[in-house]
Amino acid sequence: MKVLLVYAHPEPRSLNGAIRDFAVQRLRDAGHEVQLSDLYAMQ
């Protein structure tokens, strides 16, 4: 399955960033294709 994860938080090392990393890793471990969209990085 293809998954688009949209992330929007100004501090990448926050709890939200940790949850993002956890979700991405678990989804990839399960065989899914993950695309991450970081809205703050895109300004």
C-alpha atoms as a PDB file:
ATOM      1  CA  MET A   1       0.000   0.000   0.000  1.00  0.00           C
ATOM      2  CA  LYS A   2       1.157   3.542  -0.695  1.00  0.00           C
ATOM      3  CA  VAL A   3       0.946   5.878   2.303  1.00  0.00           C
ATOM      4  CA  LEU A   4       1.271   9.673   2.323  1.00  0.00           C
ATOM      5  CA  LEU A   5       2.144  10.985   5.775  1.00  0.00           C
ATOM      6  CA  VAL A   6       1.700  14.736   6.168  1.00  0.00           C
ATOM      7  CA  TYR A   7       3.719  16.256   9.004  1.00  0.00           C
ATOM      8  CA  ALA A   8       3.452  19.851  10.186  1.00  0.00           C
ATOM      9  CA  HIS A   9       5.449  20.837  13.253  1.00  0.00           C
ATOM     10  CA  PRO A  10       8.189  23.481  13.566  1.00  0.00           C
ATOM     11  CA  GLU A  11      10.481  21.331  15.784  1.00  0.00           C
ATOM     12  CA  PRO A  12      11.513  18.042  14.123  1.00  0.00           C
ATOM     13  CA  ARG A  13      12.929  16.676  17.409  1.00  0.00           C
ATOM     14  CA  SER A  14       9.620  17.041  19.270  1.00  0.00           C
ATOM     15  CA  LEU A  15       7.250  14.302  20.405  1.00  0.00           C
ATOM     16  CA  ASN A  16       5.424  14.761  17.099  1.00  0.00           C
ATOM     17  CA  GLY A  17       8.693  14.134  15.273  1.00  0.00           C
ATOM     18  CA  ALA A  18       9.259  10.956  17.261  1.00  0.00           C
ATOM     19  CA  ILE A  19       5.740   9.762  16.442  1.00  0.00           C
ATOM     20  CA  ARG A  20       6.360  10.564  12.759  1.00  0.00           C
ATOM     21  CA  ASP A  21       9.580   8.541  12.745  1.00  0.00           C
ATOM     22  CA  PHE A  22       7.907   5.650  14.565  1.00  0.00           C
ATOM     23  CA  ALA A  23       4.978   5.587  12.129  1.00  0.00           C
ATOM     24  CA  VAL A  24       7.217   5.753   9.060  1.00  0.00           C
ATOM     25  CA  GLN A  25       9.439   2.938  10.312  1.00  0.00           C
ATOM     26  CA  ARG A  26       6.529   0.668  11.288  1.00  0.00           C
ATOM     27  CA  LEU A  27       4.786   1.219   7.966  1.00  0.00           C
ATOM     28  CA  ARG A  28       7.968   0.485   6.005  1.00  0.00           C
ATOM     29  CA  ASP A  29       8.653  -2.601   8.132  1.00  0.00           C
ATOM     30  CA  ALA A  30       5.162  -3.816   7.212  1.00  0.00           C
ATOM     31  CA  GLY A  31       6.033  -3.486   3.519  1.00  0.00           C
ATOM     32  CA  HIS A  32       4.246  -0.241   2.712  1.00  0.00           C
ATOM     33  CA  GLU A  33       5.655   2.488   0.493  1.00  0.00           C
ATOM     34  CA  VAL A  34       5.765   5.694   2.560  1.00  0.00           C
ATOM     35  CA  GLN A  35       6.044   9.232   1.250  1.00  0.00           C
ATOM     36  CA  LEU A  36       6.567  11.919   3.896  1.00  0.00           C
ATOM     37  CA  SER A  37       5.420  15.487   3.329  1.00  0.00           C
ATOM     38  CA  ASP A  38       6.915  17.944   5.841  1.00  0.00           C
ATOM     39  CA  LEU A  39       4.996  21.196   5.514  1.00  0.00           C
ATOM     40  CA  TYR A  40       7.417  23.252   7.636  1.00  0.00           C
ATOM     41  CA  ALA A  41      10.409  22.079   5.614  1.00  0.00           C
ATOM     42  CA  MET A  42       8.593  23.200   2.466  1.00  0.00           C
ATOM     43  CA  GLN A  43       7.761  26.564   4.105  1.00  0.00           C
END
